[in-house]
Amino acid sequence: MPEPQRPQYNTRQLLLQYIFIMRWLSVAVLLLGTITCLPNALDSVREHVSAHRTSALRPKRMVGGLLTASVPWQAMVYLSENILDGGFAGGALIAEQWVLTAGRNLFVGKNQTQTRGKEPLIPKVYLGISKRVHANASTEVSVEKVFLHPEFQNISEWDNDLALIKLKEPVKFNESVMPIPLPEIGDNQEEKEEEKGIIAGWGWGKLFTPAPVLKFLSLPVRSCKGKYQSKVLASTPNVDDKQFCTGPSKHQENVCFGDAGGALAFLKPNTKTVYAAGILSFDKACSVEEHAVYTKISAYLPWIHSVMRGTTKWQRQTLS
């Protein structure tokens, strides 16, 4: 398989990436309660992050998740405010000109007959924000085109639920805008039951209203068996080996409408750095009884890299 394309960084960008992945890691450590397991990582945080930044990251308890100061790879994918969930969804910045999201996010408000074989919509994309009110012209990045996975059928089906959004210009990395690495060979935390990952979003909370501030949850990997292994309802996924599930958090919180497209991030046990393992597809869990379903990124790396290199043989794309 060809060598994957990776974003090019200068020295300053590499330093910023290190600092802010470590900064995000300090939040994850607080949330997961694994401080004693990561002394070296925390030493790095103390060396590179000032005291006022560290204190600013102390999360406040909130219904449906924890408030977060920054998740630098989090993108807001926006279509229309005239729909039930407010038109906001998630995405993950994976390179200086690419955002990965769920394919269904580009068909919000359309039914099965309206989406089958039709072209996806061009969304607005916002980077570097934590509050929804900050989604404005100053944080919007222009979209050049979108690439829907060629085998994604419609919003009533859940297989191959991926889309790549190409930005018109490479973004400049800074404290609040930084890509998250894709999985490499051997990165398989999403296959280990009860392993905890972190996901952020502006989705609905327990009051069934969109979150005004970006929140994140620590969710354990759970078996999809007994939940979605065989399709019971047309509105639920029939999970295969290109997908995986998480259960509710220890506080009985879960993802909900509007969180789809966000990346579930895990720590690599050897390097204590993060990577994106899955893109949230089935975001209608919303309760302690349901499991969230993710598209497994590692299963789609050949397609992702071929689109980014411009060598894919066939692709559904829409120009802005």
C-alpha atoms as a PDB file:
ATOM      1  CA  MET A   1       0.000   0.000   0.000  1.00  0.00           C
ATOM      2  CA  PRO A   2       1.403   3.482  -0.827  1.00  0.00           C
ATOM      3  CA  GLU A   3       2.896   5.460   2.006  1.00  0.00           C
ATOM      4  CA  PRO A   4       0.120   7.585   3.599  1.00  0.00           C
ATOM      5  CA  GLN A   5       0.174  11.305   2.948  1.00  0.00           C
ATOM      6  CA  ARG A   6       0.907  13.257   6.095  1.00  0.00           C
ATOM      7  CA  PRO A   7       0.615  16.976   6.775  1.00  0.00           C
ATOM      8  CA  GLN A   8       3.873  18.935   6.615  1.00  0.00           C
ATOM      9  CA  TYR A   9       4.749  21.040   9.626  1.00  0.00           C
ATOM     10  CA  ASN A  10       7.470  23.571  10.295  1.00  0.00           C
ATOM     11  CA  THR A  11       9.266  23.652  13.658  1.00  0.00           C
ATOM     12  CA  ARG A  12       6.825  26.104  15.206  1.00  0.00           C
ATOM     13  CA  GLN A  13       3.835  24.021  14.124  1.00  0.00           C
ATOM     14  CA  LEU A  14       5.385  20.859  15.531  1.00  0.00           C
ATOM     15  CA  LEU A  15       5.983  22.609  18.851  1.00  0.00           C
ATOM     16  CA  LEU A  16       2.416  23.909  18.910  1.00  0.00           C
ATOM     17  CA  GLN A  17       1.082  20.456  18.098  1.00  0.00           C
ATOM     18  CA  TYR A  18       3.077  18.933  20.940  1.00  0.00           C
ATOM     19  CA  ILE A  19       2.032  21.580  23.437  1.00  0.00           C
ATOM     20  CA  PHE A  20      -1.643  21.457  22.625  1.00  0.00           C
ATOM     21  CA  ILE A  21      -1.965  17.714  22.302  1.00  0.00           C
ATOM     22  CA  MET A  22      -0.376  17.583  25.748  1.00  0.00           C
ATOM     23  CA  ARG A  23      -2.742  20.332  26.875  1.00  0.00           C
ATOM     24  CA  TRP A  24      -5.739  18.310  25.650  1.00  0.00           C
ATOM     25  CA  LEU A  25      -4.223  15.217  27.229  1.00  0.00           C
ATOM     26  CA  SER A  26      -4.242  16.940  30.622  1.00  0.00           C
ATOM     27  CA  VAL A  27      -8.020  17.359  30.275  1.00  0.00           C
ATOM     28  CA  ALA A  28      -8.411  13.735  29.260  1.00  0.00           C
ATOM     29  CA  VAL A  29      -6.325  12.608  32.212  1.00  0.00           C
ATOM     30  CA  LEU A  30      -8.505  14.580  34.615  1.00  0.00           C
ATOM     31  CA  LEU A  31     -11.607  13.071  33.062  1.00  0.00           C
ATOM     32  CA  LEU A  32     -10.378   9.504  32.930  1.00  0.00           C
ATOM     33  CA  GLY A  33      -8.896   9.532  36.411  1.00  0.00           C
ATOM     34  CA  THR A  34      -5.593   8.080  35.254  1.00  0.00           C
ATOM     35  CA  ILE A  35      -3.199  10.715  36.543  1.00  0.00           C
ATOM     36  CA  THR A  36      -1.026   8.229  38.394  1.00  0.00           C
ATOM     37  CA  CYS A  37      -0.567   6.199  35.203  1.00  0.00           C
ATOM     38  CA  LEU A  38       0.802   9.086  33.155  1.00  0.00           C
ATOM     39  CA  PRO A  39       3.455  10.876  35.225  1.00  0.00           C
ATOM     40  CA  ASN A  40       5.749  11.502  32.268  1.00  0.00           C
ATOM     41  CA  ALA A  41       2.979  13.036  30.184  1.00  0.00           C
ATOM     42  CA  LEU A  42       1.956  15.318  33.029  1.00  0.00           C
ATOM     43  CA  ASP A  43       5.573  16.381  33.531  1.00  0.00           C
ATOM     44  CA  SER A  44       5.589  17.449  29.883  1.00  0.00           C
ATOM     45  CA  VAL A  45       2.378  19.406  30.407  1.00  0.00           C
ATOM     46  CA  ARG A  46       3.848  21.202  33.414  1.00  0.00           C
ATOM     47  CA  GLU A  47       6.956  22.114  31.446  1.00  0.00           C
ATOM     48  CA  HIS A  48       5.159  23.467  28.392  1.00  0.00           C
ATOM     49  CA  VAL A  49       1.847  24.873  29.635  1.00  0.00           C
ATOM     50  CA  SER A  50       1.691  27.921  31.868  1.00  0.00           C
ATOM     51  CA  ALA A  51      -0.106  27.864  35.198  1.00  0.00           C
ATOM     52  CA  HIS A  52      -2.993  30.027  33.999  1.00  0.00           C
ATOM     53  CA  ARG A  53      -3.596  27.778  31.003  1.00  0.00           C
ATOM     54  CA  THR A  54      -3.611  24.701  33.209  1.00  0.00           C
ATOM     55  CA  SER A  55      -6.134  26.222  35.601  1.00  0.00           C
ATOM     56  CA  ALA A  56      -8.329  27.282  32.687  1.00  0.00           C
ATOM     57  CA  LEU A  57      -8.647  23.649  31.671  1.00  0.00           C
ATOM     58  CA  ARG A  58     -10.218  22.484  34.918  1.00  0.00           C
ATOM     59  CA  PRO A  59     -13.582  21.269  33.681  1.00  0.00           C
ATOM     60  CA  LYS A  60     -16.913  22.206  35.220  1.00  0.00           C
ATOM     61  CA  ARG A  61     -19.593  19.559  35.666  1.00  0.00           C
ATOM     62  CA  MET A  62     -22.452  19.956  33.224  1.00  0.00           C
ATOM     63  CA  VAL A  63     -25.516  17.978  32.183  1.00  0.00           C
ATOM     64  CA  GLY A  64     -24.572  15.800  29.225  1.00  0.00           C
ATOM     65  CA  GLY A  65     -20.816  16.283  29.408  1.00  0.00           C
ATOM     66  CA  LEU A  66     -17.920  18.407  30.611  1.00  0.00           C
ATOM     67  CA  LEU A  67     -17.169  21.897  29.350  1.00  0.00           C
ATOM     68  CA  THR A  68     -13.870  22.008  27.502  1.00  0.00           C
ATOM     69  CA  ALA A  69     -11.563  24.938  26.871  1.00  0.00           C
ATOM     70  CA  SER A  70     -10.365  23.654  23.519  1.00  0.00           C
ATOM     71  CA  VAL A  71     -10.264  20.565  21.336  1.00  0.00           C
ATOM     72  CA  PRO A  72      -8.044  21.949  18.560  1.00  0.00           C
ATOM     73  CA  TRP A  73      -9.056  19.421  15.875  1.00  0.00           C
ATOM     74  CA  GLN A  74     -12.804  19.871  16.460  1.00  0.00           C
ATOM     75  CA  ALA A  75     -14.661  21.286  13.471  1.00  0.00           C
ATOM     76  CA  MET A  76     -18.234  22.491  13.341  1.00  0.00           C
ATOM     77  CA  VAL A  77     -20.030  21.361  10.187  1.00  0.00           C
ATOM     78  CA  TYR A  78     -23.108  23.503   9.601  1.00  0.00           C
ATOM     79  CA  LEU A  79     -25.934  23.174   7.061  1.00  0.00           C
ATOM     80  CA  SER A  80     -29.069  24.970   8.218  1.00  0.00           C
ATOM     81  CA  GLU A  81     -30.669  26.265  11.388  1.00  0.00           C
ATOM     82  CA  ASN A  82     -34.136  25.334  10.105  1.00  0.00           C
ATOM     83  CA  ILE A  83     -33.938  21.701  11.192  1.00  0.00           C
ATOM     84  CA  LEU A  84     -34.583  19.836  14.402  1.00  0.00           C
ATOM     85  CA  ASP A  85     -31.045  19.588  15.794  1.00  0.00           C
ATOM     86  CA  GLY A  86     -30.057  23.131  14.833  1.00  0.00           C
ATOM     87  CA  GLY A  87     -28.007  22.139  11.813  1.00  0.00           C
ATOM     88  CA  PHE A  88     -24.775  21.750  13.776  1.00  0.00           C
ATOM     89  CA  ALA A  89     -22.665  18.612  13.511  1.00  0.00           C
ATOM     90  CA  GLY A  90     -19.086  17.595  14.182  1.00  0.00           C
ATOM     91  CA  GLY A  91     -15.961  16.987  12.154  1.00  0.00           C
ATOM     92  CA  ALA A  92     -12.252  16.409  12.716  1.00  0.00           C
ATOM     93  CA  LEU A  93      -9.403  18.385  11.177  1.00  0.00           C
ATOM     94  CA  ILE A  94      -6.944  15.697   9.989  1.00  0.00           C
ATOM     95  CA  ALA A  95      -4.607  17.800   7.811  1.00  0.00           C
ATOM     96  CA  GLU A  96      -4.112  21.439   6.939  1.00  0.00           C
ATOM     97  CA  GLN A  97      -6.718  21.292   4.162  1.00  0.00           C
ATOM     98  CA  TRP A  98      -8.949  18.355   5.162  1.00  0.00           C
ATOM     99  CA  VAL A  99     -11.838  17.728   7.558  1.00  0.00           C
ATOM    100  CA  LEU A 100     -13.231  14.229   8.110  1.00  0.00           C
ATOM    101  CA  THR A 101     -16.902  13.892   9.045  1.00  0.00           C
ATOM    102  CA  ALA A 102     -19.914  11.599   8.742  1.00  0.00           C
ATOM    103  CA  GLY A 103     -21.491  11.367   5.298  1.00  0.00           C
ATOM    104  CA  ARG A 104     -24.986  11.807   6.730  1.00  0.00           C
ATOM    105  CA  ASN A 105     -24.039  15.276   7.956  1.00  0.00           C
ATOM    106  CA  LEU A 106     -24.142  16.450   4.340  1.00  0.00           C
ATOM    107  CA  PHE A 107     -27.742  15.329   3.874  1.00  0.00           C
ATOM    108  CA  VAL A 108     -29.383  16.734   6.999  1.00  0.00           C
ATOM    109  CA  GLY A 109     -33.096  17.327   6.514  1.00  0.00           C
ATOM    110  CA  LYS A 110     -33.431  14.990   3.533  1.00  0.00           C
ATOM    111  CA  ASN A 111     -35.186  11.639   3.539  1.00  0.00           C
ATOM    112  CA  GLN A 112     -34.118   8.347   1.946  1.00  0.00           C
ATOM    113  CA  THR A 113     -35.618   9.000  -1.489  1.00  0.00           C
ATOM    114  CA  GLN A 114     -34.095  12.474  -1.577  1.00  0.00           C
ATOM    115  CA  THR A 115     -30.564  11.296  -0.804  1.00  0.00           C
ATOM    116  CA  ARG A 116     -30.086   8.033  -2.706  1.00  0.00           C
ATOM    117  CA  GLY A 117     -27.763   8.793  -5.605  1.00  0.00           C
ATOM    118  CA  LYS A 118     -27.979  12.539  -4.978  1.00  0.00           C
ATOM    119  CA  GLU A 119     -25.048  14.850  -4.432  1.00  0.00           C
ATOM    120  CA  PRO A 120     -24.168  15.989  -0.903  1.00  0.00           C
ATOM    121  CA  LEU A 121     -24.646  19.576   0.159  1.00  0.00           C
ATOM    122  CA  ILE A 122     -21.747  21.963   0.693  1.00  0.00           C
ATOM    123  CA  PRO A 123     -21.587  22.831   4.401  1.00  0.00           C
ATOM    124  CA  LYS A 124     -20.078  25.747   6.219  1.00  0.00           C
ATOM    125  CA  VAL A 125     -17.078  24.756   8.339  1.00  0.00           C
ATOM    126  CA  TYR A 126     -15.841  26.539  11.448  1.00  0.00           C
ATOM    127  CA  LEU A 127     -12.550  25.863  13.238  1.00  0.00           C
ATOM    128  CA  GLY A 128     -11.044  26.944  16.536  1.00  0.00           C
ATOM    129  CA  ILE A 129     -14.291  27.599  18.392  1.00  0.00           C
ATOM    130  CA  SER A 130     -15.790  26.297  21.607  1.00  0.00           C
ATOM    131  CA  LYS A 131     -18.982  28.393  21.748  1.00  0.00           C
ATOM    132  CA  ARG A 132     -21.622  28.051  19.049  1.00  0.00           C
ATOM    133  CA  VAL A 133     -22.068  31.825  18.951  1.00  0.00           C
ATOM    134  CA  HIS A 134     -18.473  32.066  17.706  1.00  0.00           C
ATOM    135  CA  ALA A 135     -19.470  30.345  14.462  1.00  0.00           C
ATOM    136  CA  ASN A 136     -19.235  33.463  12.318  1.00  0.00           C
ATOM    137  CA  ALA A 137     -17.321  34.896   9.375  1.00  0.00           C
ATOM    138  CA  SER A 138     -14.111  35.239  11.385  1.00  0.00           C
ATOM    139  CA  THR A 139     -13.934  31.512  12.179  1.00  0.00           C
ATOM    140  CA  GLU A 140     -15.419  30.149   8.946  1.00  0.00           C
ATOM    141  CA  VAL A 141     -13.080  28.381   6.521  1.00  0.00           C
ATOM    142  CA  SER A 142     -14.126  28.201   2.885  1.00  0.00           C
ATOM    143  CA  VAL A 143     -14.902  24.783   1.412  1.00  0.00           C
ATOM    144  CA  GLU A 144     -13.604  23.819  -2.034  1.00  0.00           C
ATOM    145  CA  LYS A 145     -15.392  20.486  -2.446  1.00  0.00           C
ATOM    146  CA  VAL A 146     -16.729  17.518  -0.530  1.00  0.00           C
ATOM    147  CA  PHE A 147     -16.035  13.840  -1.174  1.00  0.00           C
ATOM    148  CA  LEU A 148     -18.661  11.373  -0.038  1.00  0.00           C
ATOM    149  CA  HIS A 149     -17.573   7.755   0.345  1.00  0.00           C
ATOM    150  CA  PRO A 150     -18.717   6.124  -2.921  1.00  0.00           C
ATOM    151  CA  GLU A 151     -20.501   3.289  -1.094  1.00  0.00           C
ATOM    152  CA  PHE A 152     -22.470   5.484   1.290  1.00  0.00           C
ATOM    153  CA  GLN A 153     -26.102   5.154   0.192  1.00  0.00           C
ATOM    154  CA  ASN A 154     -28.405   7.391   2.205  1.00  0.00           C
ATOM    155  CA  ILE A 155     -29.142   8.666   5.683  1.00  0.00           C
ATOM    156  CA  SER A 156     -31.286   5.665   6.580  1.00  0.00           C
ATOM    157  CA  GLU A 157     -28.287   3.345   6.201  1.00  0.00           C
ATOM    158  CA  TRP A 158     -25.125   3.429   8.287  1.00  0.00           C
ATOM    159  CA  ASP A 159     -22.418   1.639   6.285  1.00  0.00           C
ATOM    160  CA  ASN A 160     -19.477   3.637   4.883  1.00  0.00           C
ATOM    161  CA  ASP A 161     -20.706   6.749   6.680  1.00  0.00           C
ATOM    162  CA  LEU A 162     -17.743   8.991   5.868  1.00  0.00           C
ATOM    163  CA  ALA A 163     -17.072  12.180   3.945  1.00  0.00           C
ATOM    164  CA  LEU A 164     -13.982  14.297   3.391  1.00  0.00           C
ATOM    165  CA  ILE A 165     -14.268  18.062   3.176  1.00  0.00           C
ATOM    166  CA  LYS A 166     -11.491  19.801   1.261  1.00  0.00           C
ATOM    167  CA  LEU A 167     -10.873  23.388   2.305  1.00  0.00           C
ATOM    168  CA  LYS A 168     -10.052  26.043  -0.288  1.00  0.00           C
ATOM    169  CA  GLU A 169      -6.867  27.078   1.503  1.00  0.00           C
ATOM    170  CA  PRO A 170      -4.565  25.330   3.983  1.00  0.00           C
ATOM    171  CA  VAL A 171      -5.357  26.492   7.503  1.00  0.00           C
ATOM    172  CA  LYS A 172      -2.704  27.987   9.749  1.00  0.00           C
ATOM    173  CA  PHE A 173      -2.159  25.937  12.880  1.00  0.00           C
ATOM    174  CA  ASN A 174      -2.265  27.752  16.207  1.00  0.00           C
ATOM    175  CA  GLU A 175      -3.342  27.195  19.805  1.00  0.00           C
ATOM    176  CA  SER A 176      -6.931  26.391  18.905  1.00  0.00           C
ATOM    177  CA  VAL A 177      -6.560  24.845  15.433  1.00  0.00           C
ATOM    178  CA  MET A 178      -4.515  21.653  15.127  1.00  0.00           C
ATOM    179  CA  PRO A 179      -5.071  18.355  13.274  1.00  0.00           C
ATOM    180  CA  ILE A 180      -5.534  15.034  15.032  1.00  0.00           C
ATOM    181  CA  PRO A 181      -3.422  12.131  13.726  1.00  0.00           C
ATOM    182  CA  LEU A 182      -5.067   9.229  11.941  1.00  0.00           C
ATOM    183  CA  PRO A 183      -4.466   5.695  13.245  1.00  0.00           C
ATOM    184  CA  GLU A 184      -1.273   3.860  12.366  1.00  0.00           C
ATOM    185  CA  ILE A 185      -0.489   0.146  12.291  1.00  0.00           C
ATOM    186  CA  GLY A 186      -1.004  -1.247  15.780  1.00  0.00           C
ATOM    187  CA  ASP A 187      -3.380   1.486  16.945  1.00  0.00           C
ATOM    188  CA  ASN A 188      -6.364  -0.586  18.056  1.00  0.00           C
ATOM    189  CA  GLN A 189      -7.637   0.821  21.347  1.00  0.00           C
ATOM    190  CA  GLU A 190     -11.149   0.853  19.880  1.00  0.00           C
ATOM    191  CA  GLU A 191     -11.077  -2.960  19.795  1.00  0.00           C
ATOM    192  CA  LYS A 192     -10.509  -3.271  23.553  1.00  0.00           C
ATOM    193  CA  GLU A 193     -13.730  -3.458  25.528  1.00  0.00           C
ATOM    194  CA  GLU A 194     -14.005  -0.894  28.355  1.00  0.00           C
ATOM    195  CA  GLU A 195     -11.108   1.153  26.936  1.00  0.00           C
ATOM    196  CA  LYS A 196     -12.137   4.810  27.237  1.00  0.00           C
ATOM    197  CA  GLY A 197     -12.075   7.336  24.437  1.00  0.00           C
ATOM    198  CA  ILE A 198     -12.923  11.031  24.357  1.00  0.00           C
ATOM    199  CA  ILE A 199     -15.414  12.686  22.023  1.00  0.00           C
ATOM    200  CA  ALA A 200     -16.442  16.338  21.832  1.00  0.00           C
ATOM    201  CA  GLY A 201     -19.476  18.035  20.348  1.00  0.00           C
ATOM    202  CA  TRP A 202     -22.301  20.532  20.566  1.00  0.00           C
ATOM    203  CA  GLY A 203     -25.012  17.861  20.526  1.00  0.00           C
ATOM    204  CA  TRP A 204     -28.137  17.678  22.624  1.00  0.00           C
ATOM    205  CA  GLY A 205     -27.892  17.305  26.379  1.00  0.00           C
ATOM    206  CA  LYS A 206     -30.372  15.777  28.803  1.00  0.00           C
ATOM    207  CA  LEU A 207     -32.707  18.734  28.295  1.00  0.00           C
ATOM    208  CA  PHE A 208     -32.772  17.906  24.562  1.00  0.00           C
ATOM    209  CA  THR A 209     -31.362  21.219  23.441  1.00  0.00           C
ATOM    210  CA  PRO A 210     -28.092  21.799  21.556  1.00  0.00           C
ATOM    211  CA  ALA A 211     -25.135  22.686  23.760  1.00  0.00           C
ATOM    212  CA  PRO A 212     -24.076  26.350  23.548  1.00  0.00           C
ATOM    213  CA  VAL A 213     -20.512  25.390  24.545  1.00  0.00           C
ATOM    214  CA  LEU A 214     -18.373  22.517  23.281  1.00  0.00           C
ATOM    215  CA  LYS A 215     -18.511  19.545  25.655  1.00  0.00           C
ATOM    216  CA  PHE A 216     -16.679  16.278  25.823  1.00  0.00           C
ATOM    217  CA  LEU A 217     -17.395  12.837  27.215  1.00  0.00           C
ATOM    218  CA  SER A 218     -15.295   9.857  28.238  1.00  0.00           C
ATOM    219  CA  LEU A 219     -17.030   6.797  26.785  1.00  0.00           C
ATOM    220  CA  PRO A 220     -16.062   3.118  27.191  1.00  0.00           C
ATOM    221  CA  VAL A 221     -15.796   0.761  24.237  1.00  0.00           C
ATOM    222  CA  ARG A 222     -18.642  -1.755  24.385  1.00  0.00           C
ATOM    223  CA  SER A 223     -19.570  -4.776  22.328  1.00  0.00           C
ATOM    224  CA  CYS A 224     -22.180  -4.119  19.657  1.00  0.00           C
ATOM    225  CA  LYS A 225     -23.533  -7.646  20.135  1.00  0.00           C
ATOM    226  CA  GLY A 226     -27.075  -7.697  21.412  1.00  0.00           C
ATOM    227  CA  LYS A 227     -27.509  -4.085  20.337  1.00  0.00           C
ATOM    228  CA  TYR A 228     -26.988  -3.659  16.626  1.00  0.00           C
ATOM    229  CA  GLN A 229     -25.448  -6.928  15.461  1.00  0.00           C
ATOM    230  CA  SER A 230     -28.692  -7.831  13.716  1.00  0.00           C
ATOM    231  CA  LYS A 231     -30.904  -5.061  12.417  1.00  0.00           C
ATOM    232  CA  VAL A 232     -34.136  -4.935  14.398  1.00  0.00           C
ATOM    233  CA  LEU A 233     -35.364  -1.512  13.329  1.00  0.00           C
ATOM    234  CA  ALA A 234     -34.787   0.225  10.017  1.00  0.00           C
ATOM    235  CA  SER A 235     -33.555   3.283  11.908  1.00  0.00           C
ATOM    236  CA  THR A 236     -30.692   1.460  13.681  1.00  0.00           C
ATOM    237  CA  PRO A 237     -27.358   0.264  12.242  1.00  0.00           C
ATOM    238  CA  ASN A 238     -26.513  -3.299  11.278  1.00  0.00           C
ATOM    239  CA  VAL A 239     -22.975  -3.199  12.650  1.00  0.00           C
ATOM    240  CA  ASP A 240     -20.118  -4.908  10.806  1.00  0.00           C
ATOM    241  CA  ASP A 241     -16.352  -5.120  11.317  1.00  0.00           C
ATOM    242  CA  LYS A 242     -15.870  -1.601   9.931  1.00  0.00           C
ATOM    243  CA  GLN A 243     -17.751  -0.153  12.883  1.00  0.00           C
ATOM    244  CA  PHE A 244     -17.532  -0.250  16.671  1.00  0.00           C
ATOM    245  CA  CYS A 245     -19.584   0.885  19.657  1.00  0.00           C
ATOM    246  CA  THR A 246     -19.291   2.809  22.908  1.00  0.00           C
ATOM    247  CA  GLY A 247     -21.607   2.784  25.893  1.00  0.00           C
ATOM    248  CA  PRO A 248     -22.641   5.632  28.205  1.00  0.00           C
ATOM    249  CA  SER A 249     -20.172   7.359  30.520  1.00  0.00           C
ATOM    250  CA  LYS A 250     -19.794   6.539  34.190  1.00  0.00           C
ATOM    251  CA  HIS A 251     -22.118   9.480  34.849  1.00  0.00           C
ATOM    252  CA  GLN A 252     -24.741   7.868  32.572  1.00  0.00           C
ATOM    253  CA  GLU A 253     -24.239  10.436  29.816  1.00  0.00           C
ATOM    254  CA  ASN A 254     -24.171   9.725  26.114  1.00  0.00           C
ATOM    255  CA  VAL A 255     -23.820  11.312  22.699  1.00  0.00           C
ATOM    256  CA  CYS A 256     -26.962  12.615  21.058  1.00  0.00           C
ATOM    257  CA  PHE A 257     -28.333  14.484  18.041  1.00  0.00           C
ATOM    258  CA  GLY A 258     -25.777  16.908  16.625  1.00  0.00           C
ATOM    259  CA  ASP A 259     -22.668  15.021  17.765  1.00  0.00           C
ATOM    260  CA  ALA A 260     -22.312  12.930  14.573  1.00  0.00           C
ATOM    261  CA  GLY A 261     -19.082  13.470  12.671  1.00  0.00           C
ATOM    262  CA  GLY A 262     -16.966  14.040  15.767  1.00  0.00           C
ATOM    263  CA  ALA A 263     -13.822  11.964  16.246  1.00  0.00           C
ATOM    264  CA  LEU A 264     -13.483   9.492  19.111  1.00  0.00           C
ATOM    265  CA  ALA A 265      -9.896   9.935  20.308  1.00  0.00           C
ATOM    266  CA  PHE A 266      -7.756   7.455  22.223  1.00  0.00           C
ATOM    267  CA  LEU A 267      -4.381   7.656  23.919  1.00  0.00           C
ATOM    268  CA  LYS A 268      -1.623   5.507  22.507  1.00  0.00           C
ATOM    269  CA  PRO A 269      -0.351   3.519  25.492  1.00  0.00           C
ATOM    270  CA  ASN A 270       3.277   3.665  24.367  1.00  0.00           C
ATOM    271  CA  THR A 271       3.629   7.344  23.421  1.00  0.00           C
ATOM    272  CA  LYS A 272       0.719   8.914  25.348  1.00  0.00           C
ATOM    273  CA  THR A 273      -0.321  10.826  22.239  1.00  0.00           C
ATOM    274  CA  VAL A 274      -3.795  10.838  20.749  1.00  0.00           C
ATOM    275  CA  TYR A 275      -5.242   9.521  17.514  1.00  0.00           C
ATOM    276  CA  ALA A 276      -8.680   9.481  15.908  1.00  0.00           C
ATOM    277  CA  ALA A 277     -10.082   5.941  15.982  1.00  0.00           C
ATOM    278  CA  GLY A 278     -13.631   6.506  14.806  1.00  0.00           C
ATOM    279  CA  ILE A 279     -16.081   9.029  13.390  1.00  0.00           C
ATOM    280  CA  LEU A 280     -19.411   9.084  15.201  1.00  0.00           C
ATOM    281  CA  SER A 281     -22.158   7.822  12.899  1.00  0.00           C
ATOM    282  CA  PHE A 282     -25.143   6.747  15.014  1.00  0.00           C
ATOM    283  CA  ASP A 283     -25.554   9.729  17.354  1.00  0.00           C
ATOM    284  CA  LYS A 284     -29.088   8.882  18.413  1.00  0.00           C
ATOM    285  CA  ALA A 285     -28.033   6.921  21.502  1.00  0.00           C
ATOM    286  CA  CYS A 286     -29.105   9.786  23.807  1.00  0.00           C
ATOM    287  CA  SER A 287     -29.784   7.418  26.742  1.00  0.00           C
ATOM    288  CA  VAL A 288     -28.057   4.964  29.058  1.00  0.00           C
ATOM    289  CA  GLU A 289     -29.708   2.027  27.296  1.00  0.00           C
ATOM    290  CA  GLU A 290     -28.210   2.672  23.867  1.00  0.00           C
ATOM    291  CA  HIS A 291     -24.755   2.386  22.313  1.00  0.00           C
ATOM    292  CA  ALA A 292     -23.192   4.933  19.981  1.00  0.00           C
ATOM    293  CA  VAL A 293     -21.836   3.541  16.703  1.00  0.00           C
ATOM    294  CA  TYR A 294     -18.665   4.760  14.989  1.00  0.00           C
ATOM    295  CA  THR A 295     -17.149   4.255  11.566  1.00  0.00           C
ATOM    296  CA  LYS A 296     -13.725   2.682  12.141  1.00  0.00           C
ATOM    297  CA  ILE A 297     -11.197   5.007  10.505  1.00  0.00           C
ATOM    298  CA  SER A 298      -8.493   2.353  10.119  1.00  0.00           C
ATOM    299  CA  ALA A 299     -10.797   0.394   7.790  1.00  0.00           C
ATOM    300  CA  TYR A 300     -11.011   3.359   5.415  1.00  0.00           C
ATOM    301  CA  LEU A 301      -7.425   4.645   5.359  1.00  0.00           C
ATOM    302  CA  PRO A 302      -6.811   3.607   1.715  1.00  0.00           C
ATOM    303  CA  TRP A 303      -9.830   5.644   0.574  1.00  0.00           C
ATOM    304  CA  ILE A 304      -8.951   8.608   2.812  1.00  0.00           C
ATOM    305  CA  HIS A 305      -5.355   8.763   1.597  1.00  0.00           C
ATOM    306  CA  SER A 306      -6.303   8.299  -2.063  1.00  0.00           C
ATOM    307  CA  VAL A 307      -8.760  11.204  -1.902  1.00  0.00           C
ATOM    308  CA  MET A 308      -6.214  13.424  -0.166  1.00  0.00           C
ATOM    309  CA  ARG A 309      -3.589  12.544  -2.788  1.00  0.00           C
ATOM    310  CA  GLY A 310      -6.052  13.038  -5.633  1.00  0.00           C
ATOM    311  CA  THR A 311      -5.546   9.490  -6.901  1.00  0.00           C
ATOM    312  CA  THR A 312      -8.916   7.944  -6.108  1.00  0.00           C
ATOM    313  CA  LYS A 313     -10.441   6.242  -9.166  1.00  0.00           C
ATOM    314  CA  TRP A 314     -14.075   7.133  -8.502  1.00  0.00           C
ATOM    315  CA  GLN A 315     -15.550   9.526  -6.039  1.00  0.00           C
ATOM    316  CA  ARG A 316     -18.789  11.316  -5.345  1.00  0.00           C
ATOM    317  CA  GLN A 317     -17.819  14.926  -5.035  1.00  0.00           C
ATOM    318  CA  THR A 318     -19.547  18.268  -5.018  1.00  0.00           C
ATOM    319  CA  LEU A 319     -17.884  21.561  -5.880  1.00  0.00           C
ATOM    320  CA  SER A 320     -18.691  24.689  -3.942  1.00  0.00           C
END
